[in-house]
Amino acid sequence: MASKLAVPEKTGNVISIIMTGYSSSLVLGVPLVVLMTNWMIGGGFFCCWLLSLY
């Protein structure tokens, strides 16, 4: 969808920005959720259980 909205010269740039967003959300989001659940619940078991529901 984004590549269709961009001008043809910028298609590669748009796709690289989207892929960077996906990668950075995984790299930053997963450890953040683990730290948050360890702080809130007090154990890593709840985090694994919660992620298994997804």
Protein backbone atom coordinates (compact mmCIF):
# COMPACT_ATOMS: atom_id res chain seq x y z
CA MET A 1 0.00 0.00 0.00
CA ALA A 2 2.73 2.47 0.95
CA SER A 3 4.71 1.71 -2.18
CA LYS A 4 1.66 2.57 -4.27
CA LEU A 5 1.26 5.91 -2.50
CA ALA A 6 4.89 6.96 -2.97
CA VAL A 7 6.37 8.33 -6.13
CA PRO A 8 8.21 5.65 -8.14
CA GLU A 9 11.63 7.11 -7.32
CA LYS A 10 11.01 6.80 -3.55
CA THR A 11 9.46 3.32 -3.45
CA GLY A 12 12.58 1.65 -2.07
CA ASN A 13 13.01 4.36 0.56
CA VAL A 14 9.42 3.97 1.75
CA ILE A 15 9.72 0.19 2.03
CA SER A 16 13.00 0.48 3.96
CA ILE A 17 11.42 2.92 6.43
CA ILE A 18 8.53 0.54 7.03
CA MET A 19 10.85 -2.44 7.55
CA THR A 20 12.98 -0.39 9.94
CA GLY A 21 9.85 0.37 11.95
CA TYR A 22 8.93 -3.32 12.15
CA SER A 23 12.43 -4.29 13.24
CA SER A 24 12.80 -1.55 15.82
CA SER A 25 9.40 -2.29 17.31
CA LEU A 26 10.44 -5.89 17.88
CA VAL A 27 13.90 -5.03 19.19
CA LEU A 28 12.57 -2.42 21.60
CA GLY A 29 9.09 -3.73 22.32
CA VAL A 30 9.77 -7.29 23.46
CA PRO A 31 12.36 -6.42 26.13
CA LEU A 32 10.20 -3.52 27.28
CA VAL A 33 7.19 -5.80 27.78
CA VAL A 34 9.33 -8.34 29.65
CA LEU A 35 10.69 -5.65 31.97
CA MET A 36 7.22 -4.21 32.49
CA THR A 37 5.66 -7.53 33.42
CA ASN A 38 8.55 -8.44 35.72
CA TRP A 39 8.14 -5.11 37.47
CA MET A 40 4.33 -5.28 37.66
CA ILE A 41 3.77 -8.97 38.36
CA GLY A 42 7.08 -10.02 39.86
CA GLY A 43 7.87 -12.97 37.66
CA GLY A 44 8.62 -13.96 34.10
CA PHE A 45 6.06 -16.79 34.08
CA PHE A 46 3.14 -14.41 33.66
CA CYS A 47 4.84 -12.76 30.69
CA CYS A 48 5.31 -16.09 28.93
CA TRP A 49 1.72 -17.04 29.66
CA LEU A 50 0.46 -13.70 28.39
CA LEU A 51 2.46 -13.94 25.18
CA SER A 52 1.20 -17.47 24.58
CA LEU A 53 -2.34 -16.10 24.40
CA TYR A 54 -1.42 -13.91 21.49
